Amino acid sequence: MQDLRDGRCGWCGTDSLYQKYHDEEWGKKVTDDKKLFEFLILESAQAGLSWITILRKRENYRQAFYQFDVQKVSQMTEEDVEKLMKNDGIIKNRLKIMSAINNAKHFQKIQQEYGSFYKYILSFFPNRKPIVNNFTTLKEIPSRTLVSDKISQDMKKRGFKFFGSTICYSFLQATGFVNDHLEGCKQKQR
């Protein structure tokens, strides 16, 4: 895998869906709780899988989980879980499906406590500012950090599932709390 390819981070390769995600979303600051909840569900579903697998199923997840409406997801029942277990458009893993419902409930509790999930996540960052790294190679990018360790530990204490430090760091990268675009990537400074 090249570090840079066609002016973008080499991890997205030549797949057009992956490139579009890299260019339009990855590392771009997300402040909207609905979008943060979407990434929470998708990143948790990714555990043990490749991100491109989840990207290809994203629209199916959107339909299956009420357009990522946290209120509706939090009220899903065992009957809903059984329906989703028959849905070939998503990852049919009972524990991951149930964790999405569980995490929706805890997401709402954080919103009540902090005013928004965005403010909660930002509270873990120095000066409440996103981190911009200056990596030049893909090998330099960590899979977890002290910040992702702290957030995932706190979320685990609060009852979240499928959100360990590595998944958390991916979430932080995807939603722009951490900018890990490589130096020389055309998306670095946007």
Protein backbone atom coordinates (compact mmCIF):
# COMPACT_ATOMS: atom_id res chain seq x y z
CA MET A 1 0.00 0.00 0.00
CA GLN A 2 1.40 3.36 -1.01
CA ASP A 3 1.49 6.16 1.53
CA LEU A 4 0.10 8.66 -1.01
CA ARG A 5 -1.69 7.79 -4.24
CA ASP A 6 -3.06 10.38 -6.65
CA GLY A 7 -2.74 13.11 -4.01
CA ARG A 8 -4.66 11.25 -1.32
CA CYS A 9 -3.88 8.93 1.59
CA GLY A 10 -2.98 5.56 0.12
CA TRP A 11 -5.22 3.52 2.44
CA CYS A 12 -8.23 4.25 0.24
CA GLY A 13 -6.57 2.61 -2.77
CA THR A 14 -8.35 2.80 -6.11
CA ASP A 15 -11.91 1.91 -5.05
CA SER A 16 -14.15 4.84 -6.04
CA LEU A 17 -16.41 4.48 -2.97
CA TYR A 18 -13.40 4.49 -0.66
CA GLN A 19 -11.86 7.47 -2.45
CA LYS A 20 -15.13 9.41 -2.24
CA TYR A 21 -15.33 8.65 1.49
CA HIS A 22 -11.71 9.78 1.94
CA ASP A 23 -12.21 12.98 -0.05
CA GLU A 24 -15.62 14.02 1.28
CA GLU A 25 -15.91 12.68 4.81
CA TRP A 26 -12.87 11.15 6.53
CA GLY A 27 -11.27 13.61 8.90
CA LYS A 28 -13.87 16.30 8.27
CA LYS A 29 -15.18 17.82 11.50
CA VAL A 30 -18.59 16.47 12.52
CA THR A 31 -20.51 18.41 15.16
CA ASP A 32 -23.99 17.02 14.44
CA ASP A 33 -25.06 14.35 16.93
CA LYS A 34 -27.11 12.45 14.36
CA LYS A 35 -24.04 12.06 12.15
CA LEU A 36 -21.93 11.12 15.18
CA PHE A 37 -24.49 8.46 16.09
CA GLU A 38 -24.32 7.13 12.53
CA PHE A 39 -20.55 6.75 12.80
CA LEU A 40 -20.91 5.17 16.24
CA ILE A 41 -23.17 2.45 14.78
CA LEU A 42 -21.04 1.95 11.67
CA GLU A 43 -17.71 1.87 13.48
CA SER A 44 -19.08 -0.62 16.02
CA ALA A 45 -20.39 -2.79 13.18
CA GLN A 46 -16.92 -2.70 11.62
CA ALA A 47 -15.24 -4.45 14.58
CA GLY A 48 -13.18 -7.27 13.07
CA LEU A 49 -14.06 -6.30 9.50
CA SER A 50 -12.73 -3.91 6.87
CA TRP A 51 -14.19 -0.40 6.64
CA ILE A 52 -14.96 -0.82 2.93
CA THR A 53 -17.29 -3.71 3.87
CA ILE A 54 -19.28 -1.33 6.07
CA LEU A 55 -19.20 1.50 3.52
CA ARG A 56 -20.76 -0.82 0.95
CA LYS A 57 -23.56 -1.63 3.40
CA ARG A 58 -24.03 1.92 4.69
CA GLU A 59 -27.32 2.62 2.93
CA ASN A 60 -28.72 -0.67 4.20
CA TYR A 61 -27.72 0.35 7.73
CA ARG A 62 -29.41 3.70 7.19
CA GLN A 63 -32.67 1.93 6.31
CA ALA A 64 -32.36 -0.74 9.00
CA PHE A 65 -31.66 1.77 11.77
CA TYR A 66 -34.29 4.43 11.06
CA GLN A 67 -31.97 6.85 9.26
CA PHE A 68 -29.81 6.74 12.41
CA ASP A 69 -32.52 8.33 14.55
CA VAL A 70 -31.15 7.68 18.04
CA GLN A 71 -34.60 7.90 19.67
CA LYS A 72 -36.10 5.28 17.36
CA VAL A 73 -33.07 2.98 17.58
CA SER A 74 -33.14 3.14 21.39
CA GLN A 75 -36.71 1.83 21.31
CA MET A 76 -36.02 -1.15 19.05
CA THR A 77 -37.20 -4.48 20.45
CA GLU A 78 -36.19 -8.14 20.35
CA GLU A 79 -38.62 -8.48 17.43
CA ASP A 80 -36.64 -5.81 15.56
CA VAL A 81 -33.42 -7.67 16.33
CA GLU A 82 -34.90 -10.86 14.85
CA LYS A 83 -35.88 -8.97 11.67
CA LEU A 84 -32.40 -7.50 11.37
CA MET A 85 -30.85 -10.95 11.79
CA LYS A 86 -32.56 -11.83 8.49
CA ASN A 87 -31.40 -8.66 6.72
CA ASP A 88 -28.66 -9.55 4.23
CA GLY A 89 -27.87 -5.86 3.75
CA ILE A 90 -26.18 -5.48 7.14
CA ILE A 91 -23.73 -7.50 9.23
CA LYS A 92 -25.93 -10.18 10.78
CA ASN A 93 -24.23 -10.32 14.14
CA ARG A 94 -26.72 -10.42 17.01
CA LEU A 95 -24.30 -8.88 19.51
CA LYS A 96 -23.49 -5.98 17.18
CA ILE A 97 -27.17 -5.36 16.44
CA MET A 98 -28.04 -5.44 20.12
CA SER A 99 -25.10 -3.16 20.90
CA ALA A 100 -26.47 -0.55 18.48
CA ILE A 101 -29.72 -0.47 20.47
CA ASN A 102 -27.88 -0.47 23.79
CA ASN A 103 -25.49 2.26 22.64
CA ALA A 104 -28.40 4.42 21.46
CA LYS A 105 -29.76 4.44 25.01
CA HIS A 106 -26.40 5.44 26.48
CA PHE A 107 -25.83 7.99 23.70
CA GLN A 108 -29.05 9.72 24.79
CA LYS A 109 -27.93 9.73 28.43
CA ILE A 110 -24.70 11.47 27.41
CA GLN A 111 -26.69 14.01 25.40
CA GLN A 112 -28.77 14.77 28.49
CA GLU A 113 -25.68 15.06 30.69
CA TYR A 114 -23.46 17.09 28.33
CA GLY A 115 -25.98 18.84 26.09
CA SER A 116 -24.68 16.90 23.09
CA PHE A 117 -22.56 13.86 22.29
CA TYR A 118 -20.23 16.19 20.39
CA LYS A 119 -19.51 18.19 23.58
CA TYR A 120 -18.90 14.95 25.48
CA ILE A 121 -16.28 13.72 23.00
CA LEU A 122 -14.67 17.15 22.75
CA SER A 123 -14.29 17.26 26.56
CA PHE A 124 -11.50 14.66 26.29
CA PHE A 125 -9.34 16.85 24.05
CA PRO A 126 -6.74 19.38 25.20
CA ASN A 127 -8.23 22.87 24.94
CA ARG A 128 -11.38 21.20 23.51
CA LYS A 129 -9.76 21.31 20.06
CA PRO A 130 -9.34 18.52 17.51
CA ILE A 131 -5.87 17.05 17.08
CA VAL A 132 -4.07 17.58 13.77
CA ASN A 133 -1.24 15.13 13.27
CA ASN A 134 1.59 15.60 10.80
CA PHE A 135 2.31 12.06 9.71
CA THR A 136 4.16 11.43 6.46
CA THR A 137 3.69 7.65 6.23
CA LEU A 138 0.81 5.29 6.92
CA LYS A 139 3.02 3.34 9.34
CA GLU A 140 3.16 6.37 11.64
CA ILE A 141 -0.61 6.47 12.15
CA PRO A 142 -1.48 4.73 15.43
CA SER A 143 -4.40 2.37 15.87
CA ARG A 144 -5.15 3.88 19.29
CA THR A 145 -3.95 6.70 21.53
CA LEU A 146 -4.22 7.84 25.13
CA VAL A 147 -7.26 9.92 24.17
CA SER A 148 -9.04 6.98 22.50
CA ASP A 149 -8.12 4.82 25.53
CA LYS A 150 -9.72 7.35 27.89
CA ILE A 151 -12.86 7.81 25.81
CA SER A 152 -13.43 4.09 25.26
CA GLN A 153 -12.81 3.36 28.96
CA ASP A 154 -15.31 6.01 29.98
CA MET A 155 -17.86 4.79 27.47
CA LYS A 156 -17.41 1.21 28.64
CA LYS A 157 -18.09 2.35 32.23
CA ARG A 158 -21.24 4.01 30.93
CA GLY A 159 -22.38 0.72 29.36
CA PHE A 160 -21.40 1.08 25.69
CA LYS A 161 -20.51 -2.10 23.77
CA PHE A 162 -18.27 -2.72 20.73
CA PHE A 163 -16.37 0.52 21.24
CA GLY A 164 -12.85 -0.36 22.35
CA SER A 165 -9.91 1.97 21.92
CA THR A 166 -9.11 0.94 18.33
CA ILE A 167 -12.73 1.38 17.21
CA CYS A 168 -12.83 4.66 19.12
CA TYR A 169 -9.72 5.94 17.36
CA SER A 170 -11.26 5.07 13.97
CA PHE A 171 -14.37 6.96 15.04
CA LEU A 172 -12.27 10.00 16.03
CA GLN A 173 -10.45 9.93 12.68
CA ALA A 174 -13.66 9.55 10.69
CA THR A 175 -15.41 12.42 12.46
CA GLY A 176 -12.53 14.88 12.44
CA PHE A 177 -11.68 14.91 16.13
CA VAL A 178 -8.32 13.69 14.85
CA ASN A 179 -6.96 14.70 11.45
CA ASP A 180 -4.66 11.93 10.26
CA HIS A 181 -4.53 12.86 6.58
CA LEU A 182 -0.90 12.44 5.58
CA GLU A 183 1.29 15.41 4.76
CA GLY A 184 0.90 15.95 1.02
CA CYS A 185 -2.67 14.66 0.91
CA LYS A 186 -4.92 17.10 -0.94
CA GLN A 187 -7.51 16.76 1.88
CA LYS A 188 -5.08 17.64 4.68
CA GLN A 189 -5.94 21.33 4.98
CA ARG A 190 -9.63 21.44 4.16
